[in-house]
Amino acid sequence: KVALPEGVQYDLVLMSPAPYRTEVYSNPRDQASNYATYEQWLVDYFFATLRKIWEHLADDGSLAITILDRTDKQNPLNYVEVVQLYLQYKMIGAVMDGTIWWSGTMADVPFWMWRKDLREHSEARRLQAKAALKQ
């Protein structure tokens, strides 16, 4: 559990999370292996982390997430779609700006680029309210 300073806003956040059950760090209580299921890890760790980041992301700030689906035959996991949908429908003002590809020595890696745009969120709310009044 990381505490971020109160009142601090960030213009850019880079996130490169280790996929579920693949991280190996020195502090065992912070390991993904402490979550019994992928779903529990996703909700209690990953989505909680995204919410904390989003709270501290400045309006018009950017979030770059580098994640890949895990495609092994025994335990495939769709990280990308789940994370994209979560950001799109749960984070206020989330706008998908596109993808930047980085070519590394082992593989090409996508950075999924999201922007926090509270003005666009307010405009969408205004249009929804206007449409509801017409019904």
N, C-alpha and C. Protein backbone atom coordinates (compact mmCIF):
# COMPACT_ATOMS: atom_id res chain seq x y z
N LYS A 1 0.85 -1.18 0.00
CA LYS A 1 0.00 0.00 0.00
C LYS A 1 0.89 1.24 0.00
N VAL A 2 0.80 1.99 -1.07
CA VAL A 2 1.60 3.19 -1.22
C VAL A 2 0.71 4.41 -0.98
N ALA A 3 1.18 5.32 -0.18
CA ALA A 3 0.45 6.57 0.06
C ALA A 3 1.09 7.67 -0.78
N LEU A 4 0.28 8.33 -1.58
CA LEU A 4 0.77 9.45 -2.36
C LEU A 4 0.50 10.74 -1.60
N PRO A 5 1.35 11.75 -1.76
CA PRO A 5 1.17 13.00 -1.02
C PRO A 5 -0.17 13.67 -1.35
N GLU A 6 -0.84 14.15 -0.33
CA GLU A 6 -2.10 14.86 -0.51
C GLU A 6 -1.90 16.12 -1.34
N GLY A 7 -2.82 16.38 -2.24
CA GLY A 7 -2.80 17.61 -3.02
C GLY A 7 -1.82 17.64 -4.17
N VAL A 8 -1.05 16.59 -4.37
CA VAL A 8 -0.07 16.56 -5.46
C VAL A 8 -0.75 15.97 -6.70
N GLN A 9 -0.56 16.64 -7.83
CA GLN A 9 -1.11 16.19 -9.10
C GLN A 9 0.05 15.93 -10.06
N TYR A 10 -0.10 14.93 -10.90
CA TYR A 10 0.95 14.55 -11.84
C TYR A 10 0.45 14.76 -13.27
N ASP A 11 1.34 15.28 -14.13
CA ASP A 11 1.01 15.49 -15.53
C ASP A 11 1.15 14.22 -16.35
N LEU A 12 2.05 13.34 -15.92
CA LEU A 12 2.30 12.09 -16.65
C LEU A 12 2.60 10.98 -15.65
N VAL A 13 1.93 9.86 -15.83
CA VAL A 13 2.19 8.67 -15.02
C VAL A 13 2.47 7.52 -15.98
N LEU A 14 3.58 6.83 -15.76
CA LEU A 14 3.92 5.63 -16.52
C LEU A 14 3.67 4.43 -15.62
N MET A 15 2.95 3.44 -16.14
CA MET A 15 2.62 2.26 -15.34
C MET A 15 3.00 1.02 -16.14
N SER A 16 3.80 0.18 -15.54
CA SER A 16 4.22 -1.07 -16.17
C SER A 16 4.08 -2.20 -15.16
N PRO A 17 2.84 -2.61 -14.91
CA PRO A 17 2.61 -3.63 -13.88
C PRO A 17 3.04 -5.02 -14.33
N ALA A 18 3.53 -5.78 -13.39
CA ALA A 18 3.84 -7.18 -13.68
C ALA A 18 2.53 -7.95 -13.78
N PRO A 19 2.40 -8.84 -14.75
CA PRO A 19 1.18 -9.64 -14.85
C PRO A 19 0.97 -10.50 -13.61
N TYR A 20 -0.26 -10.82 -13.36
CA TYR A 20 -0.64 -11.64 -12.21
C TYR A 20 0.19 -12.91 -12.15
N ARG A 21 0.71 -13.17 -10.97
CA ARG A 21 1.50 -14.37 -10.65
C ARG A 21 2.86 -14.44 -11.34
N THR A 22 3.35 -13.33 -11.90
CA THR A 22 4.68 -13.38 -12.51
C THR A 22 5.70 -12.51 -11.79
N GLU A 23 5.23 -11.64 -10.89
CA GLU A 23 6.18 -10.75 -10.21
C GLU A 23 6.95 -11.51 -9.13
N VAL A 24 8.22 -11.16 -9.00
CA VAL A 24 9.06 -11.75 -7.96
C VAL A 24 9.87 -10.61 -7.34
N TYR A 25 9.39 -10.12 -6.20
CA TYR A 25 10.06 -9.04 -5.50
C TYR A 25 10.47 -9.54 -4.13
N SER A 26 11.10 -8.67 -3.37
CA SER A 26 11.65 -9.10 -2.09
C SER A 26 10.64 -9.09 -0.94
N ASN A 27 9.55 -8.36 -1.06
CA ASN A 27 8.59 -8.25 0.04
C ASN A 27 7.40 -9.17 -0.22
N PRO A 28 7.36 -10.34 0.42
CA PRO A 28 6.33 -11.32 0.10
C PRO A 28 4.90 -10.85 0.34
N ARG A 29 4.66 -9.94 1.28
CA ARG A 29 3.27 -9.54 1.52
C ARG A 29 2.72 -8.64 0.41
N ASP A 30 3.59 -8.13 -0.45
CA ASP A 30 3.13 -7.32 -1.57
C ASP A 30 3.08 -8.11 -2.88
N GLN A 31 3.24 -9.39 -2.81
CA GLN A 31 3.27 -10.23 -4.00
C GLN A 31 1.87 -10.53 -4.52
N ALA A 32 1.74 -10.67 -5.82
CA ALA A 32 0.46 -11.06 -6.41
C ALA A 32 0.03 -12.42 -5.92
N SER A 33 0.97 -13.23 -5.50
CA SER A 33 0.64 -14.57 -5.02
C SER A 33 -0.21 -14.54 -3.75
N ASN A 34 -0.28 -13.39 -3.09
CA ASN A 34 -1.13 -13.27 -1.90
C ASN A 34 -2.61 -13.13 -2.24
N TYR A 35 -2.92 -12.94 -3.50
CA TYR A 35 -4.31 -12.87 -3.94
C TYR A 35 -4.70 -14.24 -4.47
N ALA A 36 -5.76 -14.79 -3.93
CA ALA A 36 -6.14 -16.17 -4.24
C ALA A 36 -6.51 -16.38 -5.71
N THR A 37 -7.09 -15.36 -6.33
CA THR A 37 -7.53 -15.51 -7.71
C THR A 37 -7.10 -14.30 -8.53
N TYR A 38 -7.10 -14.47 -9.83
CA TYR A 38 -6.83 -13.37 -10.75
C TYR A 38 -7.84 -12.24 -10.53
N GLU A 39 -9.10 -12.60 -10.37
CA GLU A 39 -10.16 -11.61 -10.19
C GLU A 39 -9.93 -10.78 -8.92
N GLN A 40 -9.53 -11.44 -7.84
CA GLN A 40 -9.27 -10.73 -6.58
C GLN A 40 -8.08 -9.78 -6.75
N TRP A 41 -7.03 -10.25 -7.40
CA TRP A 41 -5.86 -9.41 -7.67
C TRP A 41 -6.26 -8.21 -8.53
N LEU A 42 -7.06 -8.47 -9.57
CA LEU A 42 -7.47 -7.42 -10.49
C LEU A 42 -8.24 -6.32 -9.76
N VAL A 43 -9.20 -6.70 -8.93
CA VAL A 43 -10.04 -5.73 -8.23
C VAL A 43 -9.30 -5.08 -7.06
N ASP A 44 -8.70 -5.90 -6.21
CA ASP A 44 -8.12 -5.39 -4.96
C ASP A 44 -6.74 -4.76 -5.11
N TYR A 45 -6.03 -5.12 -6.17
CA TYR A 45 -4.71 -4.53 -6.37
C TYR A 45 -4.69 -3.63 -7.61
N PHE A 46 -4.95 -4.21 -8.77
CA PHE A 46 -4.75 -3.49 -10.02
C PHE A 46 -5.72 -2.32 -10.17
N PHE A 47 -7.02 -2.58 -10.01
CA PHE A 47 -7.99 -1.49 -10.14
C PHE A 47 -7.83 -0.47 -9.03
N ALA A 48 -7.49 -0.92 -7.83
CA ALA A 48 -7.25 0.01 -6.72
C ALA A 48 -6.07 0.93 -7.05
N THR A 49 -5.04 0.38 -7.68
CA THR A 49 -3.89 1.18 -8.10
C THR A 49 -4.30 2.20 -9.16
N LEU A 50 -5.09 1.76 -10.14
CA LEU A 50 -5.57 2.68 -11.18
C LEU A 50 -6.39 3.83 -10.58
N ARG A 51 -7.25 3.51 -9.63
CA ARG A 51 -8.06 4.57 -8.99
C ARG A 51 -7.16 5.58 -8.28
N LYS A 52 -6.15 5.09 -7.59
CA LYS A 52 -5.24 5.99 -6.86
C LYS A 52 -4.47 6.88 -7.86
N ILE A 53 -4.01 6.28 -8.94
CA ILE A 53 -3.31 7.05 -9.97
C ILE A 53 -4.24 8.12 -10.54
N TRP A 54 -5.47 7.71 -10.87
CA TRP A 54 -6.42 8.63 -11.50
C TRP A 54 -6.75 9.81 -10.59
N GLU A 55 -6.86 9.57 -9.29
CA GLU A 55 -7.12 10.64 -8.33
C GLU A 55 -6.01 11.69 -8.34
N HIS A 56 -4.79 11.27 -8.60
CA HIS A 56 -3.63 12.18 -8.56
C HIS A 56 -3.19 12.65 -9.94
N LEU A 57 -3.88 12.21 -10.98
CA LEU A 57 -3.55 12.66 -12.33
C LEU A 57 -4.21 14.02 -12.57
N ALA A 58 -3.43 14.98 -13.01
CA ALA A 58 -3.94 16.33 -13.27
C ALA A 58 -4.93 16.29 -14.43
N ASP A 59 -5.87 17.24 -14.43
CA ASP A 59 -6.75 17.38 -15.58
C ASP A 59 -5.88 17.65 -16.80
N ASP A 60 -6.12 16.95 -17.86
CA ASP A 60 -5.34 16.97 -19.10
C ASP A 60 -4.00 16.25 -18.94
N GLY A 61 -3.83 15.52 -17.83
CA GLY A 61 -2.64 14.70 -17.63
C GLY A 61 -2.77 13.38 -18.38
N SER A 62 -1.65 12.71 -18.60
CA SER A 62 -1.63 11.46 -19.36
C SER A 62 -1.19 10.29 -18.51
N LEU A 63 -1.80 9.15 -18.81
CA LEU A 63 -1.44 7.88 -18.19
C LEU A 63 -1.01 6.93 -19.30
N ALA A 64 0.22 6.45 -19.22
CA ALA A 64 0.74 5.48 -20.19
C ALA A 64 0.88 4.14 -19.48
N ILE A 65 0.13 3.14 -19.96
CA ILE A 65 0.18 1.81 -19.35
C ILE A 65 0.75 0.84 -20.38
N THR A 66 1.76 0.11 -19.98
CA THR A 66 2.28 -0.93 -20.86
C THR A 66 1.88 -2.29 -20.28
N ILE A 67 0.95 -2.92 -20.96
CA ILE A 67 0.49 -4.25 -20.56
C ILE A 67 0.28 -5.09 -21.82
N LEU A 68 0.43 -6.36 -21.66
CA LEU A 68 0.17 -7.32 -22.73
C LEU A 68 -0.72 -8.43 -22.18
N ASP A 69 -1.54 -9.00 -23.05
CA ASP A 69 -2.29 -10.18 -22.64
C ASP A 69 -1.32 -11.32 -22.40
N ARG A 70 -1.65 -12.17 -21.46
CA ARG A 70 -0.84 -13.36 -21.23
C ARG A 70 -1.47 -14.47 -22.06
N THR A 71 -0.69 -15.02 -22.97
CA THR A 71 -1.25 -15.94 -23.95
C THR A 71 -0.83 -17.39 -23.77
N ASP A 72 -0.22 -17.73 -22.62
CA ASP A 72 0.19 -19.12 -22.47
C ASP A 72 -1.05 -20.02 -22.46
N LYS A 73 -0.89 -21.23 -22.95
CA LYS A 73 -2.03 -22.13 -23.16
C LYS A 73 -2.69 -22.57 -21.85
N GLN A 74 -1.92 -22.71 -20.78
CA GLN A 74 -2.48 -23.20 -19.53
C GLN A 74 -3.29 -22.15 -18.79
N ASN A 75 -2.91 -20.89 -18.90
CA ASN A 75 -3.58 -19.87 -18.12
C ASN A 75 -3.58 -18.52 -18.84
N PRO A 76 -4.30 -18.42 -19.96
CA PRO A 76 -4.32 -17.14 -20.67
C PRO A 76 -5.13 -16.10 -19.90
N LEU A 77 -4.69 -14.84 -19.96
CA LEU A 77 -5.39 -13.76 -19.29
C LEU A 77 -5.49 -12.55 -20.22
N ASN A 78 -6.67 -11.99 -20.32
CA ASN A 78 -6.89 -10.80 -21.14
C ASN A 78 -6.78 -9.55 -20.28
N TYR A 79 -5.58 -9.05 -20.15
CA TYR A 79 -5.37 -7.82 -19.38
C TYR A 79 -5.83 -6.59 -20.16
N VAL A 80 -5.47 -6.53 -21.42
CA VAL A 80 -5.63 -5.31 -22.19
C VAL A 80 -7.10 -4.89 -22.26
N GLU A 81 -7.96 -5.77 -22.71
CA GLU A 81 -9.37 -5.42 -22.85
C GLU A 81 -10.01 -5.06 -21.51
N VAL A 82 -9.70 -5.82 -20.48
CA VAL A 82 -10.28 -5.56 -19.15
C VAL A 82 -9.85 -4.19 -18.64
N VAL A 83 -8.58 -3.87 -18.78
CA VAL A 83 -8.08 -2.57 -18.30
C VAL A 83 -8.65 -1.43 -19.13
N GLN A 84 -8.72 -1.61 -20.45
CA GLN A 84 -9.28 -0.56 -21.31
C GLN A 84 -10.73 -0.28 -20.94
N LEU A 85 -11.51 -1.34 -20.74
CA LEU A 85 -12.92 -1.16 -20.38
C LEU A 85 -13.07 -0.51 -19.01
N TYR A 86 -12.23 -0.92 -18.07
CA TYR A 86 -12.30 -0.33 -16.73
C TYR A 86 -12.03 1.18 -16.80
N LEU A 87 -10.98 1.56 -17.49
CA LEU A 87 -10.67 2.99 -17.61
C LEU A 87 -11.80 3.74 -18.31
N GLN A 88 -12.29 3.18 -19.40
CA GLN A 88 -13.32 3.84 -20.19
C GLN A 88 -14.61 4.07 -19.40
N TYR A 89 -15.01 3.09 -18.61
CA TYR A 89 -16.32 3.18 -17.96
C TYR A 89 -16.28 3.54 -16.48
N LYS A 90 -15.13 3.48 -15.84
CA LYS A 90 -15.07 3.75 -14.41
C LYS A 90 -14.28 5.00 -14.03
N MET A 91 -13.41 5.47 -14.90
CA MET A 91 -12.59 6.63 -14.57
C MET A 91 -13.20 7.88 -15.21
N ILE A 92 -13.58 8.82 -14.39
CA ILE A 92 -14.23 10.04 -14.87
C ILE A 92 -13.27 10.83 -15.76
N GLY A 93 -13.74 11.15 -16.97
CA GLY A 93 -12.96 11.95 -17.90
C GLY A 93 -11.91 11.19 -18.68
N ALA A 94 -11.95 9.85 -18.65
CA ALA A 94 -10.93 9.06 -19.35
C ALA A 94 -11.14 9.12 -20.86
N VAL A 95 -10.09 9.48 -21.57
CA VAL A 95 -10.11 9.54 -23.02
C VAL A 95 -8.93 8.73 -23.54
N MET A 96 -9.20 7.79 -24.43
CA MET A 96 -8.14 6.97 -25.03
C MET A 96 -7.52 7.78 -26.16
N ASP A 97 -6.23 8.08 -26.05
CA ASP A 97 -5.54 8.86 -27.07
C ASP A 97 -4.84 8.00 -28.12
N GLY A 98 -4.68 6.72 -27.86
CA GLY A 98 -4.03 5.85 -28.84
C GLY A 98 -2.97 4.98 -28.21
N THR A 99 -2.11 4.45 -29.06
CA THR A 99 -1.07 3.53 -28.61
C THR A 99 0.26 3.95 -29.20
N ILE A 100 1.29 3.93 -28.37
CA ILE A 100 2.66 4.16 -28.82
C ILE A 100 3.38 2.83 -28.69
N TRP A 101 4.05 2.40 -29.76
CA TRP A 101 4.78 1.12 -29.73
C TRP A 101 6.26 1.39 -29.54
N TRP A 102 6.85 0.66 -28.61
CA TRP A 102 8.28 0.73 -28.35
C TRP A 102 8.89 -0.59 -28.78
N SER A 103 9.92 -0.53 -29.60
CA SER A 103 10.61 -1.74 -30.04
C SER A 103 11.81 -1.99 -29.15
N GLY A 104 11.70 -3.03 -28.34
CA GLY A 104 12.78 -3.38 -27.43
C GLY A 104 13.59 -4.53 -27.98
N THR A 105 14.52 -5.00 -27.18
CA THR A 105 15.38 -6.10 -27.62
C THR A 105 14.66 -7.43 -27.61
N MET A 106 13.65 -7.59 -26.73
CA MET A 106 12.95 -8.87 -26.63
C MET A 106 11.63 -8.88 -27.38
N ALA A 107 10.93 -7.75 -27.39
CA ALA A 107 9.61 -7.71 -28.03
C ALA A 107 9.18 -6.27 -28.24
N ASP A 108 8.19 -6.10 -29.10
CA ASP A 108 7.56 -4.79 -29.25
C ASP A 108 6.53 -4.65 -28.13
N VAL A 109 6.52 -3.49 -27.50
CA VAL A 109 5.66 -3.28 -26.33
C VAL A 109 4.76 -2.07 -26.57
N PRO A 110 3.44 -2.24 -26.37
CA PRO A 110 2.54 -1.10 -26.53
C PRO A 110 2.44 -0.28 -25.25
N PHE A 111 2.37 1.02 -25.40
CA PHE A 111 2.01 1.92 -24.31
C PHE A 111 0.62 2.46 -24.65
N TRP A 112 -0.37 2.04 -23.89
CA TRP A 112 -1.75 2.48 -24.09
C TRP A 112 -1.87 3.86 -23.44
N MET A 113 -2.18 4.86 -24.25
CA MET A 113 -2.18 6.25 -23.79
C MET A 113 -3.59 6.73 -23.46
N TRP A 114 -3.77 7.14 -22.21
CA TRP A 114 -5.04 7.67 -21.73
C TRP A 114 -4.82 9.09 -21.22
N ARG A 115 -5.84 9.90 -21.35
CA ARG A 115 -5.78 11.29 -20.88
C ARG A 115 -6.99 11.57 -20.01
N LYS A 116 -6.78 12.36 -18.98
CA LYS A 116 -7.87 12.77 -18.10
C LYS A 116 -8.38 14.11 -18.60
N ASP A 117 -9.60 14.13 -19.09
CA ASP A 117 -10.19 15.35 -19.64
C ASP A 117 -11.54 15.59 -18.98
N LEU A 118 -11.53 16.35 -17.92
CA LEU A 118 -12.76 16.58 -17.17
C LEU A 118 -13.74 17.46 -17.93
N ARG A 119 -13.26 18.29 -18.85
CA ARG A 119 -14.16 19.10 -19.68
C ARG A 119 -15.00 18.20 -20.57
N GLU A 120 -14.36 17.20 -21.19
CA GLU A 120 -15.10 16.29 -22.06
C GLU A 120 -16.13 15.50 -21.26
N HIS A 121 -15.77 15.12 -20.05
CA HIS A 121 -16.70 14.40 -19.19
C HIS A 121 -17.91 15.28 -18.88
N SER A 122 -17.68 16.54 -18.57
CA SER A 122 -18.78 17.47 -18.27
C SER A 122 -19.68 17.66 -19.47
N GLU A 123 -19.10 17.76 -20.66
CA GLU A 123 -19.88 17.92 -21.88
C GLU A 123 -20.72 16.67 -22.15
N ALA A 124 -20.16 15.50 -21.95
CA ALA A 124 -20.92 14.25 -22.15
C ALA A 124 -22.09 14.19 -21.18
N ARG A 125 -21.86 14.57 -19.93
CA ARG A 125 -22.94 14.60 -18.93
C ARG A 125 -24.05 15.57 -19.35
N ARG A 126 -23.65 16.74 -19.86
CA ARG A 126 -24.62 17.75 -20.28
C ARG A 126 -25.49 17.20 -21.41
N LEU A 127 -24.87 16.53 -22.39
CA LEU A 127 -25.61 15.97 -23.51
C LEU A 127 -26.53 14.84 -23.07
N GLN A 128 -26.10 14.03 -22.12
CA GLN A 128 -26.96 12.96 -21.59
C GLN A 128 -28.18 13.55 -20.90
N ALA A 129 -27.97 14.58 -20.11
CA ALA A 129 -29.08 15.22 -19.40
C ALA A 129 -30.06 15.85 -20.39
N LYS A 130 -29.53 16.47 -21.43
CA LYS A 130 -30.37 17.09 -22.45
C LYS A 130 -31.20 16.04 -23.17
N ALA A 131 -30.59 14.91 -23.51
CA ALA A 131 -31.31 13.82 -24.18
C ALA A 131 -32.38 13.24 -23.27
N ALA A 132 -32.10 13.14 -21.99
CA ALA A 132 -33.07 12.59 -21.03
C ALA A 132 -34.29 13.50 -20.91
N LEU A 133 -34.08 14.81 -20.99
CA LEU A 133 -35.19 15.76 -20.90
C LEU A 133 -36.12 15.66 -22.11
N LYS A 134 -35.58 15.27 -23.25
CA LYS A 134 -36.39 15.15 -24.47
C LYS A 134 -37.29 13.93 -24.45
N GLN A 135 -36.99 12.96 -23.59
CA GLN A 135 -37.77 11.71 -23.57
C GLN A 135 -39.04 11.84 -22.80
